[in-house]
Amino acid sequence: MTSTLRASIDNASALLEAFRFDKVRCNDRSALTALVLLGLEPGEPWDVATNPRLGVTEVMGVIANKWGKGYAPNSRETFRKQTLHQFVDAGFAEHNSDAPEGRAVNSSKNNYRIAPAALSVVRLFGTPGFQDALDAWIAEAPTQQAAYKATRDMQMLPVTLPDGSPFRLSPGGQNPLIRDMVEEFCPRFAPGGQVLYLGDAKDHRYDIRKDDVLARLGLTFDEHGKNPDLVVYDEQRGWLFLMEAVTSHGPIDFGRRQHLKNLFATDKAGLVFVNCFPDRATMRKWLADLAWETEAWVADAPDHLIHLNGSRFLGPYE
């Protein structure tokens, strides 16, 4: 690494430290991420910084091509969860500022940019006016973060869980369908069921996870497993519903069914595999891929269920 590259990265770390980020958010990965989001090349001054919108893969590509630091493709989640999320939470960066309604987590259009207010301060880094501008930004930061949170909260999808308790999901992506699965499917086909796991499709995280009940069933949640979007336990019948929201990604096909069967292997509950679609037009796109011995449910006709073969209309097979 050349002295110019090293000096630019060290300066970016100092900038992030001035913005009161912790040690991890001041490391080389975070410093390089900030430099790329500021549109800067090695040795360029801070006053020419910009704020292009870039996706995680684009950020990593620029780091490799212009800054000479390559990261493995599977580092995307580290960039997202260990740097970008904290930038956004602090008001230093914005996520999908061009799409306030939100985007699906697997959308290629997901992007980040430096917040305009933070950009104005960054351009003064190294000048006599920087500290006053930074102090003013820090004083406003709680207000900015509160405004961001308020905007986000207004957009959240309200969901009523089977036990009647309120809950909210991020907007966009598959989450409207996941809400229908909770509010429409469960009362009809899993009455009295308990939600053991619910994943937020947009934020790529789980919102509900009941490890205590899973443990009673002899199951251990796998942080890195490809979990279904919704897991509901019908204790009265001893059924565990493993449900996928199918919009833009694949349903429970034969391979996925085998994976889920292994992931949730237990002798304390029978497994029920359910593919959920927003409408029949979407279901038709995936019909040929659906595994036998699964169920198909369509949100716009919630009273009906399509059963794919087997000895029972609905229920576990083993």
C-alpha atoms as a PDB file:
ATOM      1  CA  MET A   1       0.000   0.000   0.000  1.00  0.00           C
ATOM      2  CA  THR A   2       1.412   3.387  -1.002  1.00  0.00           C
ATOM      3  CA  SER A   3       1.956   6.188   1.478  1.00  0.00           C
ATOM      4  CA  THR A   4      -0.803   8.218  -0.216  1.00  0.00           C
ATOM      5  CA  LEU A   5      -3.317   5.400   0.228  1.00  0.00           C
ATOM      6  CA  ARG A   6      -2.324   4.859   3.847  1.00  0.00           C
ATOM      7  CA  ALA A   7      -2.503   8.561   4.643  1.00  0.00           C
ATOM      8  CA  SER A   8      -5.982   8.867   3.095  1.00  0.00           C
ATOM      9  CA  ILE A   9      -7.293   5.888   5.063  1.00  0.00           C
ATOM     10  CA  ASP A  10      -5.770   7.167   8.316  1.00  0.00           C
ATOM     11  CA  ASN A  11      -7.296  10.600   7.715  1.00  0.00           C
ATOM     12  CA  ALA A  12     -10.693   9.007   7.088  1.00  0.00           C
ATOM     13  CA  SER A  13     -10.368   7.097  10.370  1.00  0.00           C
ATOM     14  CA  ALA A  14      -9.592  10.390  12.117  1.00  0.00           C
ATOM     15  CA  LEU A  15     -12.655  11.937  10.472  1.00  0.00           C
ATOM     16  CA  LEU A  16     -14.903   9.143  11.740  1.00  0.00           C
ATOM     17  CA  GLU A  17     -13.398   9.441  15.200  1.00  0.00           C
ATOM     18  CA  ALA A  18     -14.193  13.168  15.140  1.00  0.00           C
ATOM     19  CA  PHE A  19     -17.802  12.227  14.316  1.00  0.00           C
ATOM     20  CA  ARG A  20     -17.698  10.170  17.543  1.00  0.00           C
ATOM     21  CA  PHE A  21     -17.854   6.723  16.014  1.00  0.00           C
ATOM     22  CA  ASP A  22     -16.467   3.869  18.090  1.00  0.00           C
ATOM     23  CA  LYS A  23     -13.256   1.972  17.376  1.00  0.00           C
ATOM     24  CA  VAL A  24     -14.816  -0.586  15.018  1.00  0.00           C
ATOM     25  CA  ARG A  25     -16.453   2.160  12.958  1.00  0.00           C
ATOM     26  CA  CYS A  26     -13.036   3.840  12.645  1.00  0.00           C
ATOM     27  CA  ASN A  27     -11.169   0.789  11.323  1.00  0.00           C
ATOM     28  CA  ASP A  28      -9.864   0.445   7.767  1.00  0.00           C
ATOM     29  CA  ARG A  29     -13.055  -1.161   6.452  1.00  0.00           C
ATOM     30  CA  SER A  30     -15.222   1.666   7.759  1.00  0.00           C
ATOM     31  CA  ALA A  31     -12.727   4.335   6.688  1.00  0.00           C
ATOM     32  CA  LEU A  32     -12.617   2.934   3.152  1.00  0.00           C
ATOM     33  CA  THR A  33     -16.408   2.716   3.071  1.00  0.00           C
ATOM     34  CA  ALA A  34     -16.648   6.382   4.064  1.00  0.00           C
ATOM     35  CA  LEU A  35     -14.098   7.418   1.431  1.00  0.00           C
ATOM     36  CA  VAL A  36     -15.999   5.581  -1.302  1.00  0.00           C
ATOM     37  CA  LEU A  37     -19.360   6.993  -0.194  1.00  0.00           C
ATOM     38  CA  LEU A  38     -17.746  10.438  -0.297  1.00  0.00           C
ATOM     39  CA  GLY A  39     -16.675   9.837  -3.891  1.00  0.00           C
ATOM     40  CA  LEU A  40     -13.022  10.422  -3.028  1.00  0.00           C
ATOM     41  CA  GLU A  41      -9.944   8.889  -4.614  1.00  0.00           C
ATOM     42  CA  PRO A  42      -6.550   8.500  -2.917  1.00  0.00           C
ATOM     43  CA  GLY A  43      -5.013  11.864  -2.087  1.00  0.00           C
ATOM     44  CA  GLU A  44      -8.055  13.971  -3.001  1.00  0.00           C
ATOM     45  CA  PRO A  45      -8.958  16.830  -0.626  1.00  0.00           C
ATOM     46  CA  TRP A  46     -12.049  16.729   1.545  1.00  0.00           C
ATOM     47  CA  ASP A  47     -13.620  19.800  -0.026  1.00  0.00           C
ATOM     48  CA  VAL A  48     -14.326  17.918  -3.280  1.00  0.00           C
ATOM     49  CA  ALA A  49     -16.301  15.188  -1.507  1.00  0.00           C
ATOM     50  CA  THR A  50     -19.683  14.214  -2.962  1.00  0.00           C
ATOM     51  CA  ASN A  51     -22.363  11.758  -1.889  1.00  0.00           C
ATOM     52  CA  PRO A  52     -23.185   9.270  -4.661  1.00  0.00           C
ATOM     53  CA  ARG A  53     -25.710   6.539  -3.974  1.00  0.00           C
ATOM     54  CA  LEU A  54     -23.956   3.175  -3.974  1.00  0.00           C
ATOM     55  CA  GLY A  55     -24.892  -0.390  -3.131  1.00  0.00           C
ATOM     56  CA  VAL A  56     -22.749  -2.578  -0.884  1.00  0.00           C
ATOM     57  CA  THR A  57     -21.295  -4.535  -3.800  1.00  0.00           C
ATOM     58  CA  GLU A  58     -20.453  -1.277  -5.593  1.00  0.00           C
ATOM     59  CA  VAL A  59     -18.699   0.047  -2.490  1.00  0.00           C
ATOM     60  CA  MET A  60     -16.621  -3.118  -2.232  1.00  0.00           C
ATOM     61  CA  GLY A  61     -15.800  -2.953  -5.937  1.00  0.00           C
ATOM     62  CA  VAL A  62     -14.503   0.618  -5.694  1.00  0.00           C
ATOM     63  CA  ILE A  63     -12.449  -0.290  -2.621  1.00  0.00           C
ATOM     64  CA  ALA A  64     -10.830  -3.116  -4.586  1.00  0.00           C
ATOM     65  CA  ASN A  65     -10.291  -1.193  -7.827  1.00  0.00           C
ATOM     66  CA  LYS A  66      -9.284   2.245  -6.566  1.00  0.00           C
ATOM     67  CA  TRP A  67      -7.980   1.572  -3.083  1.00  0.00           C
ATOM     68  CA  GLY A  68      -6.277  -1.779  -3.664  1.00  0.00           C
ATOM     69  CA  LYS A  69      -8.038  -3.614  -0.851  1.00  0.00           C
ATOM     70  CA  GLY A  70     -10.005  -6.709  -1.810  1.00  0.00           C
ATOM     71  CA  TYR A  71     -12.693  -8.236   0.393  1.00  0.00           C
ATOM     72  CA  ALA A  72     -14.333 -11.623  -0.111  1.00  0.00           C
ATOM     73  CA  PRO A  73     -17.856 -11.496  -1.609  1.00  0.00           C
ATOM     74  CA  ASN A  74     -19.260 -13.008   1.589  1.00  0.00           C
ATOM     75  CA  SER A  75     -18.067  -9.886   3.457  1.00  0.00           C
ATOM     76  CA  ARG A  76     -21.112  -7.952   2.213  1.00  0.00           C
ATOM     77  CA  GLU A  77     -23.052  -8.606   5.413  1.00  0.00           C
ATOM     78  CA  THR A  78     -20.090  -7.411   7.490  1.00  0.00           C
ATOM     79  CA  PHE A  79     -20.053  -4.128   5.578  1.00  0.00           C
ATOM     80  CA  ARG A  80     -23.806  -3.825   5.935  1.00  0.00           C
ATOM     81  CA  LYS A  81     -24.149  -4.801   9.592  1.00  0.00           C
ATOM     82  CA  GLN A  82     -20.842  -3.587  11.045  1.00  0.00           C
ATOM     83  CA  THR A  83     -20.392  -0.285   9.218  1.00  0.00           C
ATOM     84  CA  LEU A  84     -23.302   0.942   7.114  1.00  0.00           C
ATOM     85  CA  HIS A  85     -26.066   0.296   9.637  1.00  0.00           C
ATOM     86  CA  GLN A  86     -24.175   2.341  12.232  1.00  0.00           C
ATOM     87  CA  PHE A  87     -23.518   5.139   9.735  1.00  0.00           C
ATOM     88  CA  VAL A  88     -27.252   5.309   9.063  1.00  0.00           C
ATOM     89  CA  ASP A  89     -28.241   5.093  12.734  1.00  0.00           C
ATOM     90  CA  ALA A  90     -25.943   8.029  13.536  1.00  0.00           C
ATOM     91  CA  GLY A  91     -27.401  10.179  10.774  1.00  0.00           C
ATOM     92  CA  PHE A  92     -24.038  10.154   8.975  1.00  0.00           C
ATOM     93  CA  ALA A  93     -25.475   8.205   6.022  1.00  0.00           C
ATOM     94  CA  GLU A  94     -28.871   7.477   4.484  1.00  0.00           C
ATOM     95  CA  HIS A  95     -30.285   4.175   3.252  1.00  0.00           C
ATOM     96  CA  ASN A  96     -32.456   4.226   0.122  1.00  0.00           C
ATOM     97  CA  SER A  97     -33.036   7.974   0.342  1.00  0.00           C
ATOM     98  CA  ASP A  98     -34.486   7.744  -3.164  1.00  0.00           C
ATOM     99  CA  ALA A  99     -37.133   5.215  -2.067  1.00  0.00           C
ATOM    100  CA  PRO A 100     -38.734   6.203   1.270  1.00  0.00           C
ATOM    101  CA  GLU A 101     -41.294   3.411   0.841  1.00  0.00           C
ATOM    102  CA  GLY A 102     -38.448   0.917   1.215  1.00  0.00           C
ATOM    103  CA  ARG A 103     -37.022  -1.854  -0.931  1.00  0.00           C
ATOM    104  CA  ALA A 104     -36.786  -5.622  -0.633  1.00  0.00           C
ATOM    105  CA  VAL A 105     -33.556  -6.762   0.997  1.00  0.00           C
ATOM    106  CA  ASN A 106     -32.587  -8.639  -2.175  1.00  0.00           C
ATOM    107  CA  SER A 107     -33.258  -5.683  -4.483  1.00  0.00           C
ATOM    108  CA  SER A 108     -30.268  -4.680  -6.597  1.00  0.00           C
ATOM    109  CA  LYS A 109     -31.353  -1.051  -6.126  1.00  0.00           C
ATOM    110  CA  ASN A 110     -30.551  -0.909  -2.390  1.00  0.00           C
ATOM    111  CA  ASN A 111     -28.121   1.937  -1.810  1.00  0.00           C
ATOM    112  CA  TYR A 112     -26.434   4.179   0.737  1.00  0.00           C
ATOM    113  CA  ARG A 113     -25.163   7.750   0.597  1.00  0.00           C
ATOM    114  CA  ILE A 114     -23.611  10.254   2.987  1.00  0.00           C
ATOM    115  CA  ALA A 115     -26.335  12.472   4.466  1.00  0.00           C
ATOM    116  CA  PRO A 116     -26.245  16.004   2.987  1.00  0.00           C
ATOM    117  CA  ALA A 117     -25.861  17.654   6.417  1.00  0.00           C
ATOM    118  CA  ALA A 118     -22.902  15.400   7.260  1.00  0.00           C
ATOM    119  CA  LEU A 119     -21.376  16.013   3.830  1.00  0.00           C
ATOM    120  CA  SER A 120     -21.272  19.759   4.470  1.00  0.00           C
ATOM    121  CA  VAL A 121     -19.269  19.124   7.643  1.00  0.00           C
ATOM    122  CA  VAL A 122     -16.931  16.604   5.999  1.00  0.00           C
ATOM    123  CA  ARG A 123     -15.958  19.145   3.331  1.00  0.00           C
ATOM    124  CA  LEU A 124     -14.571  21.367   6.098  1.00  0.00           C
ATOM    125  CA  PHE A 125     -12.373  18.658   7.639  1.00  0.00           C
ATOM    126  CA  GLY A 126      -8.877  20.041   8.213  1.00  0.00           C
ATOM    127  CA  THR A 127     -10.001  23.675   8.100  1.00  0.00           C
ATOM    128  CA  PRO A 128     -10.511  26.167  10.961  1.00  0.00           C
ATOM    129  CA  GLY A 129     -14.281  25.994  10.494  1.00  0.00           C
ATOM    130  CA  PHE A 130     -14.547  22.229  10.906  1.00  0.00           C
ATOM    131  CA  GLN A 131     -14.921  22.010  14.681  1.00  0.00           C
ATOM    132  CA  ASP A 132     -17.723  24.570  14.896  1.00  0.00           C
ATOM    133  CA  ALA A 133     -19.568  22.875  12.032  1.00  0.00           C
ATOM    134  CA  LEU A 134     -19.069  19.470  13.659  1.00  0.00           C
ATOM    135  CA  ASP A 135     -20.288  20.711  17.047  1.00  0.00           C
ATOM    136  CA  ALA A 136     -23.411  22.093  15.391  1.00  0.00           C
ATOM    137  CA  TRP A 137     -23.981  18.803  13.543  1.00  0.00           C
ATOM    138  CA  ILE A 138     -23.529  16.768  16.734  1.00  0.00           C
ATOM    139  CA  ALA A 139     -25.953  19.053  18.569  1.00  0.00           C
ATOM    140  CA  GLU A 140     -28.506  18.453  15.824  1.00  0.00           C
ATOM    141  CA  ALA A 141     -27.747  14.748  15.437  1.00  0.00           C
ATOM    142  CA  PRO A 142     -30.291  13.539  18.042  1.00  0.00           C
ATOM    143  CA  THR A 143     -32.954  15.621  16.289  1.00  0.00           C
ATOM    144  CA  GLN A 144     -31.918  14.244  12.911  1.00  0.00           C
ATOM    145  CA  GLN A 145     -31.969  10.689  14.224  1.00  0.00           C
ATOM    146  CA  ALA A 146     -35.339  11.233  15.889  1.00  0.00           C
ATOM    147  CA  ALA A 147     -36.749  12.639  12.641  1.00  0.00           C
ATOM    148  CA  TYR A 148     -35.366   9.667  10.720  1.00  0.00           C
ATOM    149  CA  LYS A 149     -36.874   7.261  13.237  1.00  0.00           C
ATOM    150  CA  ALA A 150     -40.215   9.086  13.193  1.00  0.00           C
ATOM    151  CA  THR A 151     -40.345   8.909   9.400  1.00  0.00           C
ATOM    152  CA  ARG A 152     -39.456   5.236   9.504  1.00  0.00           C
ATOM    153  CA  ASP A 153     -42.019   4.501  12.219  1.00  0.00           C
ATOM    154  CA  MET A 154     -44.776   6.193  10.212  1.00  0.00           C
ATOM    155  CA  GLN A 155     -44.024   3.849   7.320  1.00  0.00           C
ATOM    156  CA  MET A 156     -43.979   0.659   9.396  1.00  0.00           C
ATOM    157  CA  LEU A 157     -46.577  -2.019   8.682  1.00  0.00           C
ATOM    158  CA  PRO A 158     -48.831  -2.732  11.674  1.00  0.00           C
ATOM    159  CA  VAL A 159     -49.332  -6.444  12.346  1.00  0.00           C
ATOM    160  CA  THR A 160     -51.553  -8.155  14.901  1.00  0.00           C
ATOM    161  CA  LEU A 161     -50.059 -11.422  16.138  1.00  0.00           C
ATOM    162  CA  PRO A 162     -52.254 -14.478  16.814  1.00  0.00           C
ATOM    163  CA  ASP A 163     -52.224 -13.729  20.552  1.00  0.00           C
ATOM    164  CA  GLY A 164     -53.595 -10.239  19.847  1.00  0.00           C
ATOM    165  CA  SER A 165     -50.404  -8.322  20.587  1.00  0.00           C
ATOM    166  CA  PRO A 166     -49.445  -5.520  18.183  1.00  0.00           C
ATOM    167  CA  PHE A 167     -46.293  -5.646  16.130  1.00  0.00           C
ATOM    168  CA  ARG A 168     -44.736  -3.701  13.258  1.00  0.00           C
ATOM    169  CA  LEU A 169     -42.708  -4.700  10.222  1.00  0.00           C
ATOM    170  CA  SER A 170     -40.523  -2.600   7.960  1.00  0.00           C
ATOM    171  CA  PRO A 171     -42.329  -1.425   4.812  1.00  0.00           C
ATOM    172  CA  GLY A 172     -41.709  -2.859   1.374  1.00  0.00           C
ATOM    173  CA  GLY A 173     -40.364  -6.130   0.071  1.00  0.00           C
ATOM    174  CA  GLN A 174     -42.207  -9.290   1.100  1.00  0.00           C
ATOM    175  CA  ASN A 175     -43.373  -7.855   4.405  1.00  0.00           C
ATOM    176  CA  PRO A 176     -46.945  -7.037   3.283  1.00  0.00           C
ATOM    177  CA  LEU A 177     -47.304 -10.718   2.388  1.00  0.00           C
ATOM    178  CA  ILE A 178     -45.748 -11.785   5.702  1.00  0.00           C
ATOM    179  CA  ARG A 179     -48.324  -9.622   7.468  1.00  0.00           C
ATOM    180  CA  ASP A 180     -51.098 -11.433   5.561  1.00  0.00           C
ATOM    181  CA  MET A 181     -49.600 -14.770   6.553  1.00  0.00           C
ATOM    182  CA  VAL A 182     -49.805 -13.777  10.217  1.00  0.00           C
ATOM    183  CA  GLU A 183     -53.203 -12.085  10.137  1.00  0.00           C
ATOM    184  CA  GLU A 184     -55.044 -14.138   7.500  1.00  0.00           C
ATOM    185  CA  PHE A 185     -53.490 -17.606   7.280  1.00  0.00           C
ATOM    186  CA  CYS A 186     -52.895 -18.246  10.974  1.00  0.00           C
ATOM    187  CA  PRO A 187     -56.457 -17.637  12.250  1.00  0.00           C
ATOM    188  CA  ARG A 188     -57.843 -19.899   9.509  1.00  0.00           C
ATOM    189  CA  PHE A 189     -55.368 -22.769   9.420  1.00  0.00           C
ATOM    190  CA  ALA A 190     -53.321 -22.486  12.627  1.00  0.00           C
ATOM    191  CA  PRO A 191     -55.812 -21.097  15.168  1.00  0.00           C
ATOM    192  CA  GLY A 192     -54.206 -20.570  18.533  1.00  0.00           C
ATOM    193  CA  GLY A 193     -50.781 -20.979  16.976  1.00  0.00           C
ATOM    194  CA  GLN A 194     -47.759 -19.278  18.489  1.00  0.00           C
ATOM    195  CA  VAL A 195     -45.320 -17.336  16.309  1.00  0.00           C
ATOM    196  CA  LEU A 196     -41.878 -18.738  17.132  1.00  0.00           C
ATOM    197  CA  TYR A 197     -39.951 -16.904  14.437  1.00  0.00           C
ATOM    198  CA  LEU A 198     -40.728 -14.001  12.148  1.00  0.00           C
ATOM    199  CA  GLY A 199     -38.117 -12.569   9.811  1.00  0.00           C
ATOM    200  CA  ASP A 200     -38.139  -8.992   8.523  1.00  0.00           C
ATOM    201  CA  ALA A 201     -37.618  -9.426   4.782  1.00  0.00           C
ATOM    202  CA  LYS A 202     -36.573  -5.826   4.220  1.00  0.00           C
ATOM    203  CA  ASP A 203     -34.034  -5.400   7.011  1.00  0.00           C
ATOM    204  CA  HIS A 204     -32.698  -8.928   6.708  1.00  0.00           C
ATOM    205  CA  ARG A 205     -33.097  -9.642  10.389  1.00  0.00           C
ATOM    206  CA  TYR A 206     -35.486 -11.475  12.688  1.00  0.00           C
ATOM    207  CA  ASP A 207     -38.071  -9.573  14.701  1.00  0.00           C
ATOM    208  CA  ILE A 208     -39.481 -12.445  16.740  1.00  0.00           C
ATOM    209  CA  ARG A 209     -37.539 -15.467  17.883  1.00  0.00           C
ATOM    210  CA  LYS A 210     -38.671 -17.654  20.782  1.00  0.00           C
ATOM    211  CA  ASP A 211     -35.694 -19.794  21.628  1.00  0.00           C
ATOM    212  CA  ASP A 212     -37.344 -21.153  24.790  1.00  0.00           C
ATOM    213  CA  VAL A 213     -40.191 -22.810  22.879  1.00  0.00           C
ATOM    214  CA  LEU A 214     -37.842 -24.012  20.147  1.00  0.00           C
ATOM    215  CA  ALA A 215     -35.668 -25.566  22.863  1.00  0.00           C
ATOM    216  CA  ARG A 216     -38.677 -27.437  24.284  1.00  0.00           C
ATOM    217  CA  LEU A 217     -39.177 -28.878  20.826  1.00  0.00           C
ATOM    218  CA  GLY A 218     -35.563 -29.991  20.777  1.00  0.00           C
ATOM    219  CA  LEU A 219     -34.595 -27.343  18.232  1.00  0.00           C
ATOM    220  CA  THR A 220     -31.737 -24.862  18.223  1.00  0.00           C
ATOM    221  CA  PHE A 221     -32.026 -21.765  16.091  1.00  0.00           C
ATOM    222  CA  ASP A 222     -29.292 -21.592  13.461  1.00  0.00           C
ATOM    223  CA  GLU A 223     -28.107 -17.981  13.029  1.00  0.00           C
ATOM    224  CA  HIS A 224     -26.608 -18.845   9.652  1.00  0.00           C
ATOM    225  CA  GLY A 225     -29.292 -21.223   8.440  1.00  0.00           C
ATOM    226  CA  LYS A 226     -31.653 -20.289   5.639  1.00  0.00           C
ATOM    227  CA  ASN A 227     -34.680 -20.050   7.870  1.00  0.00           C
ATOM    228  CA  PRO A 228     -38.271 -19.766   6.640  1.00  0.00           C
ATOM    229  CA  ASP A 229     -39.962 -16.374   6.801  1.00  0.00           C
ATOM    230  CA  LEU A 230     -42.465 -17.466   9.437  1.00  0.00           C
ATOM    231  CA  VAL A 231     -42.542 -20.349  11.928  1.00  0.00           C
ATOM    232  CA  VAL A 232     -45.779 -21.013  13.823  1.00  0.00           C
ATOM    233  CA  TYR A 233     -46.316 -23.729  16.433  1.00  0.00           C
ATOM    234  CA  ASP A 234     -49.755 -25.279  16.895  1.00  0.00           C
ATOM    235  CA  GLU A 235     -49.285 -26.910  20.285  1.00  0.00           C
ATOM    236  CA  GLN A 236     -52.737 -28.497  20.378  1.00  0.00           C
ATOM    237  CA  ARG A 237     -52.112 -30.502  17.217  1.00  0.00           C
ATOM    238  CA  GLY A 238     -48.359 -30.729  17.641  1.00  0.00           C
ATOM    239  CA  TRP A 239     -47.711 -29.112  14.257  1.00  0.00           C
ATOM    240  CA  LEU A 240     -44.885 -26.786  13.330  1.00  0.00           C
ATOM    241  CA  PHE A 241     -45.735 -24.614  10.315  1.00  0.00           C
ATOM    242  CA  LEU A 242     -42.702 -23.624   8.223  1.00  0.00           C
ATOM    243  CA  MET A 243     -43.901 -20.863   5.918  1.00  0.00           C
ATOM    244  CA  GLU A 244     -42.238 -19.081   3.008  1.00  0.00           C
ATOM    245  CA  ALA A 245     -43.384 -15.753   1.535  1.00  0.00           C
ATOM    246  CA  VAL A 246     -42.914 -16.191  -2.204  1.00  0.00           C
ATOM    247  CA  THR A 247     -42.787 -13.041  -4.307  1.00  0.00           C
ATOM    248  CA  SER A 248     -39.463 -12.594  -6.079  1.00  0.00           C
ATOM    249  CA  HIS A 249     -37.470 -15.558  -4.766  1.00  0.00           C
ATOM    250  CA  GLY A 250     -38.046 -19.284  -4.927  1.00  0.00           C
ATOM    251  CA  PRO A 251     -40.620 -21.345  -3.031  1.00  0.00           C
ATOM    252  CA  ILE A 252     -40.250 -24.568  -1.075  1.00  0.00           C
ATOM    253  CA  ASP A 253     -39.058 -26.874  -3.819  1.00  0.00           C
ATOM    254  CA  PHE A 254     -37.710 -30.385  -3.219  1.00  0.00           C
ATOM    255  CA  GLY A 255     -34.254 -29.171  -2.173  1.00  0.00           C
ATOM    256  CA  ARG A 256     -35.633 -26.451   0.086  1.00  0.00           C
ATOM    257  CA  ARG A 257     -38.053 -28.912   1.695  1.00  0.00           C
ATOM    258  CA  GLN A 258     -35.204 -31.285   2.499  1.00  0.00           C
ATOM    259  CA  HIS A 259     -33.142 -28.424   3.927  1.00  0.00           C
ATOM    260  CA  LEU A 260     -35.992 -27.276   6.180  1.00  0.00           C
ATOM    261  CA  LYS A 261     -36.735 -30.852   7.196  1.00  0.00           C
ATOM    262  CA  ASN A 262     -33.138 -31.250   8.373  1.00  0.00           C
ATOM    263  CA  LEU A 263     -32.966 -27.784   9.942  1.00  0.00           C
ATOM    264  CA  PHE A 264     -36.132 -28.364  12.008  1.00  0.00           C
ATOM    265  CA  ALA A 265     -35.747 -32.088  12.657  1.00  0.00           C
ATOM    266  CA  THR A 266     -37.655 -32.940  15.846  1.00  0.00           C
ATOM    267  CA  ASP A 267     -39.701 -35.830  17.194  1.00  0.00           C
ATOM    268  CA  LYS A 268     -41.878 -33.457  19.242  1.00  0.00           C
ATOM    269  CA  ALA A 269     -43.783 -31.819  16.370  1.00  0.00           C
ATOM    270  CA  GLY A 270     -44.813 -32.657  12.828  1.00  0.00           C
ATOM    271  CA  LEU A 271     -43.658 -30.303  10.098  1.00  0.00           C
ATOM    272  CA  VAL A 272     -46.107 -28.552   7.771  1.00  0.00           C
ATOM    273  CA  PHE A 273     -44.539 -26.802   4.774  1.00  0.00           C
ATOM    274  CA  VAL A 274     -46.500 -23.866   3.346  1.00  0.00           C
ATOM    275  CA  ASN A 275     -45.736 -21.756   0.272  1.00  0.00           C
ATOM    276  CA  CYS A 276     -47.510 -18.395   0.518  1.00  0.00           C
ATOM    277  CA  PHE A 277     -48.200 -16.146  -2.474  1.00  0.00           C
ATOM    278  CA  PRO A 278     -49.772 -12.693  -2.774  1.00  0.00           C
ATOM    279  CA  ASP A 279     -52.017 -13.826  -5.653  1.00  0.00           C
ATOM    280  CA  ARG A 280     -52.597 -16.667  -8.090  1.00  0.00           C
ATOM    281  CA  ALA A 281     -50.681 -14.939 -10.882  1.00  0.00           C
ATOM    282  CA  THR A 282     -47.534 -15.085  -8.750  1.00  0.00           C
ATOM    283  CA  MET A 283     -48.242 -18.679  -7.771  1.00  0.00           C
ATOM    284  CA  ARG A 284     -48.484 -19.706 -11.435  1.00  0.00           C
ATOM    285  CA  LYS A 285     -44.909 -18.518 -11.999  1.00  0.00           C
ATOM    286  CA  TRP A 286     -43.641 -20.966  -9.386  1.00  0.00           C
ATOM    287  CA  LEU A 287     -46.165 -23.798  -9.645  1.00  0.00           C
ATOM    288  CA  ALA A 288     -43.812 -26.202 -11.417  1.00  0.00           C
ATOM    289  CA  ASP A 289     -41.222 -25.772  -8.649  1.00  0.00           C
ATOM    290  CA  LEU A 290     -43.442 -26.558  -5.661  1.00  0.00           C
ATOM    291  CA  ALA A 291     -42.443 -29.699  -3.793  1.00  0.00           C
ATOM    292  CA  TRP A 292     -44.920 -32.493  -3.249  1.00  0.00           C
ATOM    293  CA  GLU A 293     -46.270 -32.825   0.282  1.00  0.00           C
ATOM    294  CA  THR A 294     -46.435 -29.061   0.732  1.00  0.00           C
ATOM    295  CA  GLU A 295     -49.319 -26.611   0.897  1.00  0.00           C
ATOM    296  CA  ALA A 296     -49.904 -23.514  -1.245  1.00  0.00           C
ATOM    297  CA  TRP A 297     -51.831 -20.510   0.067  1.00  0.00           C
ATOM    298  CA  VAL A 298     -52.816 -17.339  -1.780  1.00  0.00           C
ATOM    299  CA  ALA A 299     -53.360 -14.139   0.199  1.00  0.00           C
ATOM    300  CA  ASP A 300     -56.074 -12.752  -2.073  1.00  0.00           C
ATOM    301  CA  ALA A 301     -58.155 -15.909  -1.527  1.00  0.00           C
ATOM    302  CA  PRO A 302     -57.315 -16.566   2.141  1.00  0.00           C
ATOM    303  CA  ASP A 303     -60.064 -19.113   2.864  1.00  0.00           C
ATOM    304  CA  HIS A 304     -58.625 -21.670   0.453  1.00  0.00           C
ATOM    305  CA  LEU A 305     -55.611 -23.934   0.549  1.00  0.00           C
ATOM    306  CA  ILE A 306     -54.051 -25.975  -2.245  1.00  0.00           C
ATOM    307  CA  HIS A 307     -52.635 -29.323  -1.213  1.00  0.00           C
ATOM    308  CA  LEU A 308     -49.920 -30.995  -3.251  1.00  0.00           C
ATOM    309  CA  ASN A 309     -50.490 -34.743  -3.001  1.00  0.00           C
ATOM    310  CA  GLY A 310     -50.069 -36.965   0.030  1.00  0.00           C
ATOM    311  CA  SER A 311     -52.424 -38.814   2.321  1.00  0.00           C
ATOM    312  CA  ARG A 312     -53.715 -35.769   4.199  1.00  0.00           C
ATOM    313  CA  PHE A 313     -55.227 -32.466   3.147  1.00  0.00           C
ATOM    314  CA  LEU A 314     -53.243 -30.547   5.760  1.00  0.00           C
ATOM    315  CA  GLY A 315     -50.779 -31.794   8.305  1.00  0.00           C
ATOM    316  CA  PRO A 316     -47.366 -33.348   8.825  1.00  0.00           C
ATOM    317  CA  TYR A 317     -46.437 -36.550   7.047  1.00  0.00           C
ATOM    318  CA  GLU A 318     -44.186 -38.075   9.663  1.00  0.00           C
END
